[in-house]
Amino acid sequence: MLISSETKFRGRIVTGNVEVVELPDGQRVTLDIIHHPGGAAVVAVDTSRRVCLLRQYRHAVGGWVWELPAGKLEPGEPPLSTAQREIVEEAGVSATHWESLGSVISSPGVFTETVHLFLATGLEPGTQQTEAGELLEVHWVALDEACRRALAGEISDGKTCVALLRAASRPGM
């Protein structure tokens, strides 16, 4: 239960608070909590069973990261709409069939972000529309190879690893 909250930082995407909470066992603790609107990520699989992976530069981790097309939820935007928007913007494709792969929690000790995961099939070409500040390359990789890379630690982004493995476990994949 939240007792008190003091905002220490308000940015374009996140808000950082120091919060005093009462835990279910009655303890009162002070926590640093980063509030994030959440996001959506897409495992886009084509008819050759290849998945779209982005090699994206991420300043926060100091280099290039393999990721799925993904983005943050806009205010009032359903997660599926975010996913549908992001594969067009980042991968340059749209999809006719969508299936939920559940969600993942990024870092539950300090971060409120939940990322909703989707499998997209029935892909059709579109026009890539990256945003300012996005530096990425689009790669199409066999789904089995992408899963091997995730399991071997070659792909380190959490949402990407979980979503790839969940997609590959679906019947017909």
N, C-alpha and C. Protein backbone atom coordinates (compact mmCIF):
# COMPACT_ATOMS: atom_id res chain seq x y z
N MET A 1 0.85 -1.17 0.00
CA MET A 1 0.00 0.00 0.00
C MET A 1 0.90 1.24 0.00
N LEU A 2 0.59 2.18 -0.88
CA LEU A 2 1.35 3.42 -0.97
C LEU A 2 1.01 4.34 0.20
N ILE A 3 2.04 4.78 0.91
CA ILE A 3 1.87 5.72 2.02
C ILE A 3 2.14 7.14 1.54
N SER A 4 3.25 7.33 0.82
CA SER A 4 3.58 8.65 0.28
C SER A 4 4.46 8.48 -0.94
N SER A 5 4.45 9.52 -1.79
CA SER A 5 5.24 9.50 -3.02
C SER A 5 5.74 10.90 -3.30
N GLU A 6 7.03 11.02 -3.63
CA GLU A 6 7.61 12.30 -3.98
C GLU A 6 8.31 12.15 -5.33
N THR A 7 7.87 12.93 -6.32
CA THR A 7 8.48 12.89 -7.64
C THR A 7 9.82 13.61 -7.60
N LYS A 8 10.86 12.90 -8.02
CA LYS A 8 12.22 13.46 -8.06
C LYS A 8 12.64 13.81 -9.48
N PHE A 9 11.99 13.18 -10.48
CA PHE A 9 12.35 13.41 -11.87
C PHE A 9 11.13 13.19 -12.74
N ARG A 10 10.91 14.07 -13.70
CA ARG A 10 9.84 13.88 -14.68
C ARG A 10 10.46 14.14 -16.05
N GLY A 11 10.55 13.08 -16.86
CA GLY A 11 11.12 13.19 -18.20
C GLY A 11 10.06 13.07 -19.27
N ARG A 12 10.51 12.90 -20.51
CA ARG A 12 9.59 12.76 -21.65
C ARG A 12 8.79 11.46 -21.56
N ILE A 13 9.42 10.40 -21.00
CA ILE A 13 8.78 9.09 -20.97
C ILE A 13 8.56 8.58 -19.56
N VAL A 14 9.53 8.74 -18.68
CA VAL A 14 9.46 8.17 -17.33
C VAL A 14 9.37 9.24 -16.26
N THR A 15 8.86 8.80 -15.11
CA THR A 15 8.84 9.62 -13.90
C THR A 15 9.51 8.82 -12.80
N GLY A 16 10.42 9.47 -12.07
CA GLY A 16 11.11 8.82 -10.97
C GLY A 16 10.59 9.32 -9.64
N ASN A 17 10.13 8.40 -8.81
CA ASN A 17 9.57 8.74 -7.51
C ASN A 17 10.34 8.05 -6.39
N VAL A 18 10.33 8.67 -5.21
CA VAL A 18 10.71 8.00 -3.98
C VAL A 18 9.39 7.74 -3.27
N GLU A 19 9.10 6.45 -3.02
CA GLU A 19 7.80 6.07 -2.48
C GLU A 19 7.98 5.33 -1.16
N VAL A 20 7.16 5.69 -0.19
CA VAL A 20 7.09 4.95 1.07
C VAL A 20 5.86 4.05 0.95
N VAL A 21 6.08 2.74 1.15
CA VAL A 21 5.01 1.78 1.00
C VAL A 21 4.95 0.86 2.21
N GLU A 22 3.76 0.32 2.43
CA GLU A 22 3.61 -0.72 3.44
C GLU A 22 3.46 -2.04 2.71
N LEU A 23 4.34 -2.98 3.00
CA LEU A 23 4.32 -4.29 2.37
C LEU A 23 3.22 -5.15 2.99
N PRO A 24 2.84 -6.25 2.33
CA PRO A 24 1.77 -7.11 2.86
C PRO A 24 2.03 -7.64 4.27
N ASP A 25 3.31 -7.72 4.70
CA ASP A 25 3.60 -8.20 6.05
C ASP A 25 3.66 -7.09 7.09
N GLY A 26 3.32 -5.84 6.67
CA GLY A 26 3.28 -4.72 7.59
C GLY A 26 4.54 -3.86 7.62
N GLN A 27 5.63 -4.31 7.01
CA GLN A 27 6.85 -3.49 6.98
C GLN A 27 6.63 -2.24 6.15
N ARG A 28 7.22 -1.14 6.60
CA ARG A 28 7.24 0.09 5.81
C ARG A 28 8.65 0.25 5.24
N VAL A 29 8.72 0.47 3.92
CA VAL A 29 10.01 0.63 3.27
C VAL A 29 9.95 1.82 2.31
N THR A 30 11.13 2.38 2.03
CA THR A 30 11.26 3.46 1.05
C THR A 30 11.86 2.88 -0.22
N LEU A 31 11.21 3.12 -1.35
CA LEU A 31 11.62 2.55 -2.62
C LEU A 31 11.82 3.63 -3.68
N ASP A 32 12.78 3.44 -4.56
CA ASP A 32 12.93 4.26 -5.76
C ASP A 32 12.16 3.55 -6.87
N ILE A 33 11.16 4.21 -7.45
CA ILE A 33 10.31 3.60 -8.46
C ILE A 33 10.30 4.48 -9.71
N ILE A 34 10.59 3.85 -10.85
CA ILE A 34 10.51 4.53 -12.15
C ILE A 34 9.20 4.12 -12.81
N HIS A 35 8.33 5.09 -13.05
CA HIS A 35 7.04 4.83 -13.69
C HIS A 35 7.18 5.00 -15.20
N HIS A 36 6.72 3.99 -15.95
CA HIS A 36 6.81 3.95 -17.41
C HIS A 36 5.44 3.55 -17.95
N PRO A 37 5.00 4.10 -19.09
CA PRO A 37 3.67 3.80 -19.61
C PRO A 37 3.49 2.38 -20.13
N GLY A 38 4.56 1.64 -20.32
CA GLY A 38 4.47 0.29 -20.87
C GLY A 38 4.73 0.30 -22.36
N GLY A 39 4.78 -0.90 -22.92
CA GLY A 39 5.10 -1.01 -24.34
C GLY A 39 4.54 -2.27 -24.95
N ALA A 40 4.88 -2.44 -26.23
CA ALA A 40 4.48 -3.63 -26.98
C ALA A 40 5.64 -4.02 -27.89
N ALA A 41 5.82 -5.33 -28.07
CA ALA A 41 6.86 -5.87 -28.94
C ALA A 41 6.24 -6.93 -29.85
N VAL A 42 6.82 -7.09 -31.04
CA VAL A 42 6.23 -7.93 -32.07
C VAL A 42 7.22 -8.96 -32.60
N VAL A 43 6.81 -10.23 -32.57
CA VAL A 43 7.52 -11.28 -33.28
C VAL A 43 6.82 -11.39 -34.64
N ALA A 44 7.38 -10.73 -35.65
CA ALA A 44 6.82 -10.76 -37.00
C ALA A 44 7.48 -11.89 -37.77
N VAL A 45 6.67 -12.90 -38.16
CA VAL A 45 7.20 -14.10 -38.83
C VAL A 45 6.62 -14.16 -40.24
N ASP A 46 7.53 -14.28 -41.23
CA ASP A 46 7.08 -14.35 -42.63
C ASP A 46 6.79 -15.79 -43.05
N THR A 47 6.39 -15.99 -44.30
CA THR A 47 6.00 -17.33 -44.78
C THR A 47 7.19 -18.29 -44.87
N SER A 48 8.42 -17.77 -44.84
CA SER A 48 9.61 -18.61 -44.83
C SER A 48 10.07 -18.93 -43.41
N ARG A 49 9.25 -18.57 -42.43
CA ARG A 49 9.53 -18.80 -40.99
C ARG A 49 10.74 -18.00 -40.52
N ARG A 50 10.89 -16.81 -41.12
CA ARG A 50 11.93 -15.89 -40.67
C ARG A 50 11.28 -14.82 -39.81
N VAL A 51 12.03 -14.36 -38.80
CA VAL A 51 11.53 -13.35 -37.88
C VAL A 51 12.30 -12.06 -38.11
N CYS A 52 11.62 -10.95 -37.94
CA CYS A 52 12.26 -9.64 -38.07
C CYS A 52 12.99 -9.31 -36.77
N LEU A 53 14.30 -9.13 -36.86
CA LEU A 53 15.10 -8.66 -35.74
C LEU A 53 15.73 -7.33 -36.13
N LEU A 54 15.75 -6.43 -35.19
CA LEU A 54 16.38 -5.13 -35.40
C LEU A 54 17.73 -5.12 -34.68
N ARG A 55 18.74 -4.64 -35.35
CA ARG A 55 20.02 -4.35 -34.70
C ARG A 55 19.98 -2.85 -34.49
N GLN A 56 19.80 -2.45 -33.22
CA GLN A 56 19.51 -1.06 -32.89
C GLN A 56 20.56 -0.51 -31.93
N TYR A 57 20.99 0.72 -32.21
CA TYR A 57 21.94 1.36 -31.31
C TYR A 57 21.20 1.88 -30.10
N ARG A 58 21.68 1.52 -28.91
CA ARG A 58 21.07 1.94 -27.64
C ARG A 58 22.13 2.59 -26.77
N HIS A 59 22.07 3.90 -26.68
CA HIS A 59 23.03 4.66 -25.88
C HIS A 59 23.06 4.19 -24.43
N ALA A 60 21.90 3.87 -23.87
CA ALA A 60 21.81 3.49 -22.45
C ALA A 60 22.68 2.29 -22.11
N VAL A 61 22.90 1.38 -23.06
CA VAL A 61 23.74 0.22 -22.79
C VAL A 61 25.07 0.28 -23.53
N GLY A 62 25.31 1.40 -24.20
CA GLY A 62 26.61 1.64 -24.82
C GLY A 62 26.90 0.87 -26.08
N GLY A 63 25.88 0.57 -26.86
CA GLY A 63 26.17 -0.11 -28.12
C GLY A 63 24.94 -0.66 -28.81
N TRP A 64 25.22 -1.60 -29.70
CA TRP A 64 24.19 -2.20 -30.54
C TRP A 64 23.54 -3.38 -29.83
N VAL A 65 22.21 -3.50 -29.98
CA VAL A 65 21.42 -4.55 -29.32
C VAL A 65 20.49 -5.17 -30.36
N TRP A 66 20.35 -6.48 -30.30
CA TRP A 66 19.35 -7.18 -31.13
C TRP A 66 18.01 -7.13 -30.41
N GLU A 67 16.99 -6.65 -31.12
CA GLU A 67 15.66 -6.50 -30.53
C GLU A 67 14.58 -6.82 -31.55
N LEU A 68 13.38 -7.02 -31.06
CA LEU A 68 12.19 -7.08 -31.90
C LEU A 68 11.68 -5.67 -32.14
N PRO A 69 10.89 -5.45 -33.19
CA PRO A 69 10.20 -4.16 -33.31
C PRO A 69 9.34 -3.95 -32.06
N ALA A 70 9.46 -2.78 -31.46
CA ALA A 70 8.75 -2.51 -30.20
C ALA A 70 8.68 -1.01 -29.98
N GLY A 71 7.78 -0.63 -29.09
CA GLY A 71 7.67 0.79 -28.74
C GLY A 71 6.77 0.98 -27.54
N LYS A 72 6.74 2.22 -27.08
CA LYS A 72 5.96 2.52 -25.88
C LYS A 72 4.51 2.80 -26.23
N LEU A 73 3.65 2.49 -25.27
CA LEU A 73 2.23 2.79 -25.41
C LEU A 73 2.02 4.29 -25.34
N GLU A 74 1.26 4.81 -26.28
CA GLU A 74 0.86 6.21 -26.21
C GLU A 74 -0.37 6.30 -25.29
N PRO A 75 -0.63 7.47 -24.70
CA PRO A 75 -1.78 7.60 -23.78
C PRO A 75 -3.08 7.10 -24.43
N GLY A 76 -3.75 6.18 -23.77
CA GLY A 76 -5.02 5.64 -24.24
C GLY A 76 -4.91 4.63 -25.37
N GLU A 77 -3.70 4.31 -25.81
CA GLU A 77 -3.51 3.40 -26.93
C GLU A 77 -3.48 1.95 -26.45
N PRO A 78 -4.32 1.08 -27.02
CA PRO A 78 -4.27 -0.34 -26.64
C PRO A 78 -2.94 -0.96 -27.09
N PRO A 79 -2.43 -1.94 -26.34
CA PRO A 79 -1.16 -2.57 -26.70
C PRO A 79 -1.12 -3.11 -28.13
N LEU A 80 -2.21 -3.72 -28.62
CA LEU A 80 -2.21 -4.24 -29.98
C LEU A 80 -2.01 -3.12 -31.00
N SER A 81 -2.62 -1.98 -30.78
CA SER A 81 -2.44 -0.84 -31.69
C SER A 81 -0.99 -0.38 -31.70
N THR A 82 -0.36 -0.39 -30.52
CA THR A 82 1.06 -0.03 -30.45
C THR A 82 1.87 -1.00 -31.28
N ALA A 83 1.63 -2.30 -31.12
CA ALA A 83 2.36 -3.31 -31.86
C ALA A 83 2.16 -3.14 -33.37
N GLN A 84 0.92 -2.91 -33.78
CA GLN A 84 0.62 -2.73 -35.21
C GLN A 84 1.33 -1.50 -35.77
N ARG A 85 1.40 -0.45 -35.01
CA ARG A 85 2.09 0.77 -35.43
C ARG A 85 3.59 0.54 -35.53
N GLU A 86 4.14 -0.14 -34.54
CA GLU A 86 5.59 -0.31 -34.48
C GLU A 86 6.16 -1.18 -35.59
N ILE A 87 5.45 -2.25 -36.00
CA ILE A 87 6.06 -3.07 -37.07
C ILE A 87 6.08 -2.32 -38.40
N VAL A 88 5.12 -1.44 -38.60
CA VAL A 88 5.16 -0.62 -39.82
C VAL A 88 6.31 0.38 -39.72
N GLU A 89 6.37 1.10 -38.60
CA GLU A 89 7.39 2.14 -38.45
C GLU A 89 8.81 1.58 -38.50
N GLU A 90 9.05 0.48 -37.77
CA GLU A 90 10.42 -0.01 -37.63
C GLU A 90 10.81 -1.08 -38.64
N ALA A 91 9.88 -1.97 -38.99
CA ALA A 91 10.21 -3.08 -39.89
C ALA A 91 9.73 -2.88 -41.32
N GLY A 92 8.80 -1.95 -41.50
CA GLY A 92 8.28 -1.70 -42.84
C GLY A 92 7.35 -2.79 -43.35
N VAL A 93 6.63 -3.45 -42.42
CA VAL A 93 5.64 -4.46 -42.80
C VAL A 93 4.39 -4.28 -41.94
N SER A 94 3.29 -4.82 -42.44
CA SER A 94 2.07 -4.91 -41.64
C SER A 94 1.68 -6.38 -41.60
N ALA A 95 0.69 -6.72 -40.78
CA ALA A 95 0.30 -8.12 -40.63
C ALA A 95 -1.22 -8.25 -40.64
N THR A 96 -1.69 -9.40 -41.13
CA THR A 96 -3.13 -9.65 -41.16
C THR A 96 -3.59 -10.52 -40.00
N HIS A 97 -2.65 -11.21 -39.31
CA HIS A 97 -3.03 -12.08 -38.20
C HIS A 97 -2.19 -11.74 -36.98
N TRP A 98 -2.87 -11.57 -35.83
CA TRP A 98 -2.20 -11.19 -34.58
C TRP A 98 -2.60 -12.14 -33.47
N GLU A 99 -1.63 -12.51 -32.65
CA GLU A 99 -1.89 -13.39 -31.51
C GLU A 99 -1.10 -12.86 -30.32
N SER A 100 -1.74 -12.81 -29.16
CA SER A 100 -1.05 -12.37 -27.95
C SER A 100 -0.09 -13.45 -27.48
N LEU A 101 1.09 -13.02 -27.05
CA LEU A 101 2.08 -13.90 -26.43
C LEU A 101 2.23 -13.56 -24.95
N GLY A 102 1.25 -12.87 -24.39
CA GLY A 102 1.32 -12.49 -22.98
C GLY A 102 2.14 -11.22 -22.79
N SER A 103 2.71 -11.09 -21.61
CA SER A 103 3.49 -9.89 -21.32
C SER A 103 4.69 -10.26 -20.47
N VAL A 104 5.62 -9.32 -20.36
CA VAL A 104 6.78 -9.46 -19.49
C VAL A 104 6.94 -8.18 -18.68
N ILE A 105 7.51 -8.33 -17.51
CA ILE A 105 7.79 -7.19 -16.63
C ILE A 105 9.30 -6.97 -16.69
N SER A 106 9.69 -5.76 -17.04
CA SER A 106 11.11 -5.49 -17.31
C SER A 106 12.01 -5.67 -16.10
N SER A 107 11.76 -4.94 -15.05
CA SER A 107 12.60 -4.98 -13.85
C SER A 107 11.71 -4.62 -12.67
N PRO A 108 10.97 -5.60 -12.12
CA PRO A 108 9.91 -5.31 -11.16
C PRO A 108 10.33 -4.71 -9.83
N GLY A 109 11.61 -4.69 -9.53
CA GLY A 109 12.06 -4.07 -8.28
C GLY A 109 12.04 -2.56 -8.32
N VAL A 110 12.15 -1.99 -9.53
CA VAL A 110 12.25 -0.53 -9.62
C VAL A 110 11.46 0.08 -10.76
N PHE A 111 10.94 -0.74 -11.67
CA PHE A 111 10.41 -0.23 -12.93
C PHE A 111 8.99 -0.74 -13.12
N THR A 112 8.01 0.14 -13.41
CA THR A 112 6.62 -0.29 -13.57
C THR A 112 6.28 -0.78 -14.98
N GLU A 113 7.23 -0.72 -15.91
CA GLU A 113 6.96 -1.07 -17.30
C GLU A 113 6.53 -2.53 -17.46
N THR A 114 5.41 -2.73 -18.17
CA THR A 114 4.97 -4.03 -18.64
C THR A 114 5.01 -3.97 -20.16
N VAL A 115 5.63 -4.98 -20.79
CA VAL A 115 5.70 -5.03 -22.25
C VAL A 115 4.78 -6.16 -22.72
N HIS A 116 3.84 -5.82 -23.59
CA HIS A 116 2.88 -6.76 -24.16
C HIS A 116 3.50 -7.35 -25.42
N LEU A 117 3.45 -8.67 -25.53
CA LEU A 117 4.12 -9.38 -26.63
C LEU A 117 3.09 -9.93 -27.60
N PHE A 118 3.42 -9.83 -28.90
CA PHE A 118 2.50 -10.30 -29.94
C PHE A 118 3.25 -11.08 -31.01
N LEU A 119 2.55 -12.06 -31.59
CA LEU A 119 3.00 -12.78 -32.76
C LEU A 119 2.21 -12.23 -33.94
N ALA A 120 2.92 -11.82 -34.99
CA ALA A 120 2.28 -11.27 -36.19
C ALA A 120 2.65 -12.14 -37.39
N THR A 121 1.64 -12.59 -38.12
CA THR A 121 1.85 -13.37 -39.35
C THR A 121 0.96 -12.80 -40.44
N GLY A 122 1.09 -13.37 -41.63
CA GLY A 122 0.36 -12.80 -42.77
C GLY A 122 0.94 -11.43 -43.10
N LEU A 123 2.26 -11.38 -43.23
CA LEU A 123 2.94 -10.10 -43.41
C LEU A 123 2.77 -9.56 -44.82
N GLU A 124 2.65 -8.25 -44.89
CA GLU A 124 2.54 -7.53 -46.17
C GLU A 124 3.52 -6.37 -46.15
N PRO A 125 4.12 -6.06 -47.31
CA PRO A 125 5.10 -4.96 -47.33
C PRO A 125 4.45 -3.62 -47.03
N GLY A 126 5.21 -2.78 -46.37
CA GLY A 126 4.79 -1.42 -46.07
C GLY A 126 5.99 -0.50 -46.23
N THR A 127 5.90 0.68 -45.67
CA THR A 127 6.99 1.64 -45.76
C THR A 127 7.52 1.93 -44.37
N GLN A 128 8.80 1.65 -44.16
CA GLN A 128 9.45 1.91 -42.88
C GLN A 128 9.42 3.41 -42.60
N GLN A 129 9.15 3.77 -41.34
CA GLN A 129 9.05 5.19 -40.94
C GLN A 129 9.71 5.39 -39.59
N THR A 130 11.03 5.23 -39.53
CA THR A 130 11.71 5.37 -38.24
C THR A 130 11.59 6.80 -37.73
N GLU A 131 11.63 6.92 -36.40
CA GLU A 131 11.54 8.22 -35.74
C GLU A 131 12.92 8.84 -35.62
N ALA A 132 12.97 10.15 -35.43
CA ALA A 132 14.23 10.83 -35.18
C ALA A 132 14.89 10.20 -33.96
N GLY A 133 16.18 9.96 -34.04
CA GLY A 133 16.90 9.37 -32.92
C GLY A 133 16.94 7.86 -32.94
N GLU A 134 16.22 7.23 -33.87
CA GLU A 134 16.28 5.77 -34.01
C GLU A 134 17.35 5.42 -35.04
N LEU A 135 18.29 4.61 -34.63
CA LEU A 135 19.35 4.13 -35.51
C LEU A 135 19.25 2.62 -35.50
N LEU A 136 18.74 2.03 -36.59
CA LEU A 136 18.50 0.59 -36.59
C LEU A 136 18.68 0.00 -37.97
N GLU A 137 18.95 -1.30 -37.98
CA GLU A 137 19.03 -2.10 -39.20
C GLU A 137 17.98 -3.20 -39.08
N VAL A 138 17.30 -3.52 -40.18
CA VAL A 138 16.30 -4.58 -40.20
C VAL A 138 16.94 -5.84 -40.76
N HIS A 139 16.80 -6.95 -40.03
CA HIS A 139 17.34 -8.24 -40.45
C HIS A 139 16.23 -9.28 -40.35
N TRP A 140 16.17 -10.20 -41.32
CA TRP A 140 15.23 -11.31 -41.28
C TRP A 140 16.02 -12.58 -41.05
N VAL A 141 15.74 -13.25 -39.94
CA VAL A 141 16.52 -14.39 -39.46
C VAL A 141 15.57 -15.56 -39.23
N ALA A 142 16.02 -16.77 -39.57
CA ALA A 142 15.20 -17.96 -39.31
C ALA A 142 14.81 -17.98 -37.83
N LEU A 143 13.54 -18.28 -37.55
CA LEU A 143 13.05 -18.28 -36.17
C LEU A 143 13.88 -19.23 -35.30
N ASP A 144 14.22 -20.40 -35.80
CA ASP A 144 15.03 -21.33 -35.01
C ASP A 144 16.39 -20.73 -34.68
N GLU A 145 17.00 -20.04 -35.64
CA GLU A 145 18.30 -19.41 -35.41
C GLU A 145 18.17 -18.28 -34.39
N ALA A 146 17.12 -17.50 -34.47
CA ALA A 146 16.90 -16.41 -33.50
C ALA A 146 16.75 -17.00 -32.09
N CYS A 147 16.01 -18.09 -31.96
CA CYS A 147 15.86 -18.74 -30.65
C CYS A 147 17.19 -19.29 -30.16
N ARG A 148 17.99 -19.87 -31.05
CA ARG A 148 19.30 -20.37 -30.66
C ARG A 148 20.15 -19.22 -30.13
N ARG A 149 20.10 -18.07 -30.82
CA ARG A 149 20.86 -16.89 -30.38
C ARG A 149 20.38 -16.40 -29.01
N ALA A 150 19.07 -16.45 -28.79
CA ALA A 150 18.53 -16.03 -27.48
C ALA A 150 19.02 -16.96 -26.39
N LEU A 151 18.95 -18.26 -26.62
CA LEU A 151 19.37 -19.24 -25.62
C LEU A 151 20.88 -19.21 -25.37
N ALA A 152 21.65 -18.83 -26.39
CA ALA A 152 23.11 -18.77 -26.27
C ALA A 152 23.60 -17.46 -25.65
N GLY A 153 22.68 -16.52 -25.42
CA GLY A 153 23.08 -15.24 -24.84
C GLY A 153 23.55 -14.23 -25.87
N GLU A 154 23.42 -14.55 -27.15
CA GLU A 154 23.82 -13.61 -28.20
C GLU A 154 22.79 -12.50 -28.36
N ILE A 155 21.56 -12.79 -27.98
CA ILE A 155 20.51 -11.78 -27.89
C ILE A 155 20.28 -11.60 -26.39
N SER A 156 20.48 -10.37 -25.90
CA SER A 156 20.41 -10.14 -24.46
C SER A 156 19.19 -9.33 -24.03
N ASP A 157 18.44 -8.80 -24.95
CA ASP A 157 17.24 -8.03 -24.61
C ASP A 157 16.15 -8.98 -24.09
N GLY A 158 15.69 -8.74 -22.87
CA GLY A 158 14.75 -9.64 -22.21
C GLY A 158 13.45 -9.86 -22.96
N LYS A 159 12.82 -8.79 -23.40
CA LYS A 159 11.52 -8.93 -24.07
C LYS A 159 11.67 -9.74 -25.36
N THR A 160 12.81 -9.54 -26.04
CA THR A 160 13.05 -10.25 -27.29
C THR A 160 13.23 -11.74 -27.03
N CYS A 161 14.04 -12.10 -26.04
CA CYS A 161 14.26 -13.52 -25.72
C CYS A 161 12.96 -14.21 -25.35
N VAL A 162 12.19 -13.62 -24.46
CA VAL A 162 10.94 -14.23 -24.02
C VAL A 162 9.97 -14.37 -25.19
N ALA A 163 9.80 -13.32 -25.95
CA ALA A 163 8.83 -13.34 -27.06
C ALA A 163 9.22 -14.35 -28.13
N LEU A 164 10.50 -14.43 -28.48
CA LEU A 164 10.95 -15.41 -29.47
C LEU A 164 10.64 -16.83 -29.02
N LEU A 165 10.96 -17.15 -27.77
CA LEU A 165 10.75 -18.50 -27.27
C LEU A 165 9.27 -18.84 -27.15
N ARG A 166 8.46 -17.86 -26.74
CA ARG A 166 7.01 -18.10 -26.68
C ARG A 166 6.44 -18.32 -28.07
N ALA A 167 6.88 -17.51 -29.04
CA ALA A 167 6.39 -17.66 -30.42
C ALA A 167 6.76 -19.01 -30.98
N ALA A 168 8.01 -19.42 -30.78
CA ALA A 168 8.48 -20.69 -31.33
C ALA A 168 7.75 -21.89 -30.73
N SER A 169 7.19 -21.74 -29.54
CA SER A 169 6.48 -22.84 -28.89
C SER A 169 5.03 -22.96 -29.36
N ARG A 170 4.55 -22.01 -30.14
CA ARG A 170 3.18 -22.06 -30.63
C ARG A 170 3.02 -23.15 -31.68
N PRO A 171 1.89 -23.85 -31.67
CA PRO A 171 1.64 -24.85 -32.71
C PRO A 171 1.73 -24.19 -34.10
N GLY A 172 2.38 -24.89 -35.01
CA GLY A 172 2.51 -24.36 -36.36
C GLY A 172 3.70 -23.47 -36.57
N MET A 173 4.41 -23.15 -35.50
CA MET A 173 5.60 -22.32 -35.66
C MET A 173 6.79 -23.22 -35.79
